[in-house]
Amino acid sequence: MTRFRVEFTAAAAKQVTKLDPPVRRRLLAAIEALEGDPRPAVSRKLVGAETAYRLRVGDYRVIYDLIEERATVAVVRAAHRREVY
């Protein structure tokens, strides 16, 4: 199975660093798991977008693009569900 590389946009990296440490650890663990399985059962494809997916981690959401050709997961946003969309 192909391992995917995880990349963060500057905005997403900044959002993650601002989170409380326990929440940050949970999010980073879930994002790290995307390297092996970029489409886990808890992720959903976003309607109206070809490559965008949403990953639910408690009350937080991670929005990411899956770029198959480059085997890359690009994290675009990571925030509380009320702020992410």
Protein backbone atom coordinates (compact mmCIF):
# COMPACT_ATOMS: atom_id res chain seq x y z
CA MET A 1 0.00 0.00 0.00
CA THR A 2 1.22 3.47 -0.84
CA ARG A 3 2.22 5.72 2.03
CA PHE A 4 0.89 9.24 1.67
CA ARG A 5 2.84 12.32 2.68
CA VAL A 6 1.02 14.83 4.90
CA GLU A 7 1.55 18.53 4.23
CA PHE A 8 0.04 21.51 6.05
CA THR A 9 -0.85 24.85 4.54
CA ALA A 10 0.54 27.79 6.51
CA ALA A 11 -2.96 28.65 7.75
CA ALA A 12 -3.66 25.07 8.90
CA ALA A 13 -0.32 24.83 10.71
CA LYS A 14 -1.08 28.06 12.53
CA GLN A 15 -4.55 26.84 13.49
CA VAL A 16 -3.15 23.60 14.92
CA THR A 17 -0.47 25.35 16.98
CA LYS A 18 -3.12 27.58 18.60
CA LEU A 19 -5.13 24.63 19.92
CA ASP A 20 -4.96 23.38 23.49
CA PRO A 21 -2.29 20.67 23.91
CA PRO A 22 -4.69 17.72 24.50
CA VAL A 23 -6.79 18.64 21.46
CA ARG A 24 -3.65 19.24 19.37
CA ARG A 25 -2.30 15.77 20.24
CA ARG A 26 -5.58 14.10 19.22
CA LEU A 27 -5.74 16.03 15.94
CA LEU A 28 -2.12 15.32 15.07
CA ALA A 29 -2.57 11.62 15.82
CA ALA A 30 -5.60 11.49 13.51
CA ILE A 31 -3.75 13.43 10.80
CA GLU A 32 -0.72 11.14 11.13
CA ALA A 33 -3.01 8.12 10.60
CA LEU A 34 -3.92 9.59 7.18
CA GLU A 35 -0.43 8.64 5.96
CA GLY A 36 -1.43 4.98 5.88
CA ASP A 37 -5.13 5.35 5.07
CA PRO A 38 -6.15 8.68 3.50
CA ARG A 39 -9.81 7.66 3.42
CA PRO A 40 -10.62 6.22 6.87
CA ALA A 41 -14.19 5.21 7.64
CA VAL A 42 -14.74 8.37 9.73
CA SER A 43 -13.83 10.74 6.88
CA ARG A 44 -16.39 12.12 4.44
CA LYS A 45 -15.98 13.59 0.99
CA LEU A 46 -17.11 17.22 0.84
CA VAL A 47 -20.01 17.88 -1.48
CA GLY A 48 -19.11 20.04 -4.46
CA ALA A 49 -15.36 19.44 -4.23
CA GLU A 50 -13.47 16.83 -6.18
CA THR A 51 -10.60 16.14 -3.80
CA ALA A 52 -11.68 17.64 -0.45
CA TYR A 53 -12.44 15.47 2.57
CA ARG A 54 -13.44 16.12 6.17
CA LEU A 55 -12.13 14.19 9.15
CA ARG A 56 -14.04 14.32 12.41
CA VAL A 57 -12.04 14.31 15.64
CA GLY A 58 -14.50 14.93 18.46
CA ASP A 59 -15.84 18.48 18.10
CA TYR A 60 -13.00 19.39 15.74
CA ARG A 61 -12.76 18.96 11.99
CA VAL A 62 -9.79 18.57 9.69
CA ILE A 63 -10.39 19.59 6.08
CA TYR A 64 -7.88 18.10 3.65
CA ASP A 65 -7.28 17.61 -0.04
CA LEU A 66 -6.26 14.18 -1.28
CA ILE A 67 -3.86 14.44 -4.22
CA GLU A 68 -3.58 10.89 -5.56
CA GLU A 69 -1.01 11.65 -8.29
CA ARG A 70 1.54 12.93 -5.77
CA ALA A 71 0.46 10.60 -2.91
CA THR A 72 -0.11 13.66 -0.74
CA VAL A 73 -2.63 14.67 1.88
CA ALA A 74 -2.73 18.47 2.11
CA VAL A 75 -4.31 19.68 5.37
CA VAL A 76 -6.15 22.90 4.59
CA ARG A 77 -8.02 23.67 7.83
CA ALA A 78 -8.17 22.32 11.37
CA ALA A 79 -10.57 23.98 13.79
CA HIS A 80 -13.64 23.57 15.98
CA ARG A 81 -16.66 22.50 13.96
CA ARG A 82 -18.43 25.84 14.44
CA GLU A 83 -15.49 27.67 12.83
CA VAL A 84 -14.22 25.29 10.16
CA TYR A 85 -16.86 25.62 7.45
